[in-house]
Amino acid sequence: MRVVCDSTVLIGLAKVNKLHILPGIFSEIYIPKAVYNEVVIDGKGKPGSEEIANANWIRRKAVKDEISVQMLARYIDRGEAEVLILGKEIETDWLVIDDDKARDVASAANFKVIGLVG
């Protein structure tokens, strides 16, 4: 099962030392550049930063449709916007997002959405 993850989920799992469960549940795990930057670059030294930087099971992928990202980023966080657009571009099975507003947008766009608790 192919998924695209947002930073909140990755950080949350890292805080409780459960990041390792993701590759056991999903066969392909992608994160867009904005999520990588938020967790690893901007979040250096914080929970998840080192784990995500060294996780060979996470595939980093840049979005192609920057215009759509910019339009969505007017309503939701940049990372979440990239998660939605990357999900569309790679035809993902699920989006893993915790933010309520981003989940609403994803659901309205007919994505299957799951969060940290799910």
Protein backbone atom coordinates (compact mmCIF):
# COMPACT_ATOMS: atom_id res chain seq x y z
CA MET A 1 0.00 0.00 0.00
CA ARG A 2 1.43 3.37 -1.08
CA VAL A 3 1.08 6.40 1.26
CA VAL A 4 2.25 9.98 1.53
CA CYS A 5 2.90 11.20 5.09
CA ASP A 6 2.76 14.63 6.64
CA SER A 7 5.29 15.83 9.23
CA THR A 8 2.93 15.82 12.24
CA VAL A 9 2.44 12.07 11.96
CA LEU A 10 6.16 11.38 11.60
CA ILE A 11 7.06 13.62 14.55
CA GLY A 12 4.29 12.15 16.70
CA LEU A 13 5.44 8.59 16.07
CA ALA A 14 9.07 9.56 16.68
CA LYS A 15 8.15 11.11 20.04
CA VAL A 16 6.75 7.78 21.26
CA ASN A 17 9.48 5.69 19.60
CA LYS A 18 7.04 4.06 17.17
CA LEU A 19 8.25 5.40 13.83
CA HIS A 20 9.35 1.85 12.94
CA ILE A 21 5.73 0.69 12.63
CA LEU A 22 5.14 2.58 9.37
CA PRO A 23 7.12 0.24 7.08
CA GLY A 24 5.37 -2.69 8.73
CA ILE A 25 1.97 -1.30 7.73
CA PHE A 26 2.69 0.35 4.37
CA SER A 27 4.75 -0.99 1.46
CA GLU A 28 5.73 2.42 0.04
CA ILE A 29 6.07 5.55 2.19
CA TYR A 30 6.65 8.91 0.51
CA ILE A 31 7.25 12.38 1.86
CA PRO A 32 7.46 15.57 -0.19
CA LYS A 33 10.32 18.03 0.08
CA ALA A 34 8.45 20.43 2.38
CA VAL A 35 7.79 17.65 4.90
CA TYR A 36 11.43 16.53 4.80
CA ASN A 37 12.59 20.12 5.31
CA GLU A 38 10.15 20.69 8.19
CA VAL A 39 11.20 17.55 10.05
CA VAL A 40 14.89 17.21 9.20
CA ILE A 41 16.22 20.66 8.31
CA ASP A 42 14.03 23.08 10.29
CA GLY A 43 13.49 20.51 13.05
CA LYS A 44 17.15 19.58 13.50
CA GLY A 45 17.68 18.19 16.99
CA LYS A 46 13.95 17.70 17.57
CA PRO A 47 12.07 14.37 17.71
CA GLY A 48 12.10 12.60 14.36
CA SER A 49 14.76 14.69 12.64
CA GLU A 50 17.58 12.17 12.79
CA GLU A 51 15.31 9.15 12.34
CA ILE A 52 13.70 10.59 9.19
CA ALA A 53 17.05 11.69 7.77
CA ASN A 54 18.39 8.14 8.14
CA ALA A 55 15.24 6.16 7.25
CA ASN A 56 16.02 4.20 4.09
CA TRP A 57 12.36 3.11 3.88
CA ILE A 58 11.09 6.65 3.31
CA ARG A 59 11.11 7.84 -0.28
CA ARG A 60 11.56 11.57 -0.73
CA LYS A 61 9.86 12.90 -3.84
CA ALA A 62 9.47 16.43 -5.13
CA VAL A 63 6.09 17.54 -6.41
CA LYS A 64 5.87 18.53 -10.05
CA ASP A 65 2.78 20.76 -9.95
CA GLU A 66 4.08 23.76 -8.02
CA ILE A 67 1.16 25.96 -9.11
CA SER A 68 -1.36 23.66 -7.42
CA VAL A 69 0.81 23.57 -4.28
CA GLN A 70 0.88 27.37 -4.17
CA MET A 71 -2.90 27.56 -4.56
CA LEU A 72 -3.53 25.01 -1.79
CA ALA A 73 -0.94 26.62 0.49
CA ARG A 74 -3.22 29.65 0.74
CA TYR A 75 -5.59 27.46 2.79
CA ILE A 76 -3.42 24.82 4.44
CA ASP A 77 0.22 24.44 5.47
CA ARG A 78 2.79 24.14 2.67
CA GLY A 79 3.79 20.63 3.74
CA GLU A 80 0.19 19.45 3.76
CA ALA A 81 -0.38 21.04 0.35
CA GLU A 82 2.61 19.13 -1.03
CA VAL A 83 1.29 15.91 0.55
CA LEU A 84 -2.01 16.31 -1.32
CA ILE A 85 -0.42 17.18 -4.66
CA LEU A 86 2.18 14.41 -4.39
CA GLY A 87 -0.61 12.00 -3.50
CA LYS A 88 -2.38 12.97 -6.70
CA GLU A 89 0.78 12.76 -8.81
CA ILE A 90 1.79 9.27 -7.67
CA GLU A 91 -1.80 8.01 -7.29
CA THR A 92 -1.36 7.09 -3.65
CA ASP A 93 -3.63 4.73 -1.77
CA TRP A 94 -3.76 6.87 1.39
CA LEU A 95 -2.66 10.21 2.78
CA VAL A 96 -1.46 10.18 6.39
CA ILE A 97 -2.41 13.60 7.80
CA ASP A 98 -3.46 14.78 11.26
CA ASP A 99 -4.45 18.42 10.67
CA ASP A 100 -8.25 18.73 10.55
CA LYS A 101 -8.36 21.39 7.84
CA ALA A 102 -5.96 19.47 5.60
CA ARG A 103 -7.95 16.27 6.18
CA ASP A 104 -11.13 18.07 5.14
CA VAL A 105 -9.47 19.32 1.95
CA ALA A 106 -8.09 15.85 1.20
CA SER A 107 -11.46 14.20 1.80
CA ALA A 108 -13.17 16.76 -0.44
CA ALA A 109 -10.67 15.78 -3.16
CA ASN A 110 -11.67 12.10 -2.69
CA PHE A 111 -8.46 10.96 -1.01
CA LYS A 112 -8.52 8.21 1.59
CA VAL A 113 -7.14 9.83 4.73
CA ILE A 114 -5.80 8.35 7.94
CA GLY A 115 -4.17 10.04 10.91
CA LEU A 116 -1.79 9.10 13.69
CA VAL A 117 -4.49 7.50 15.84
CA GLY A 118 -5.86 5.54 12.88
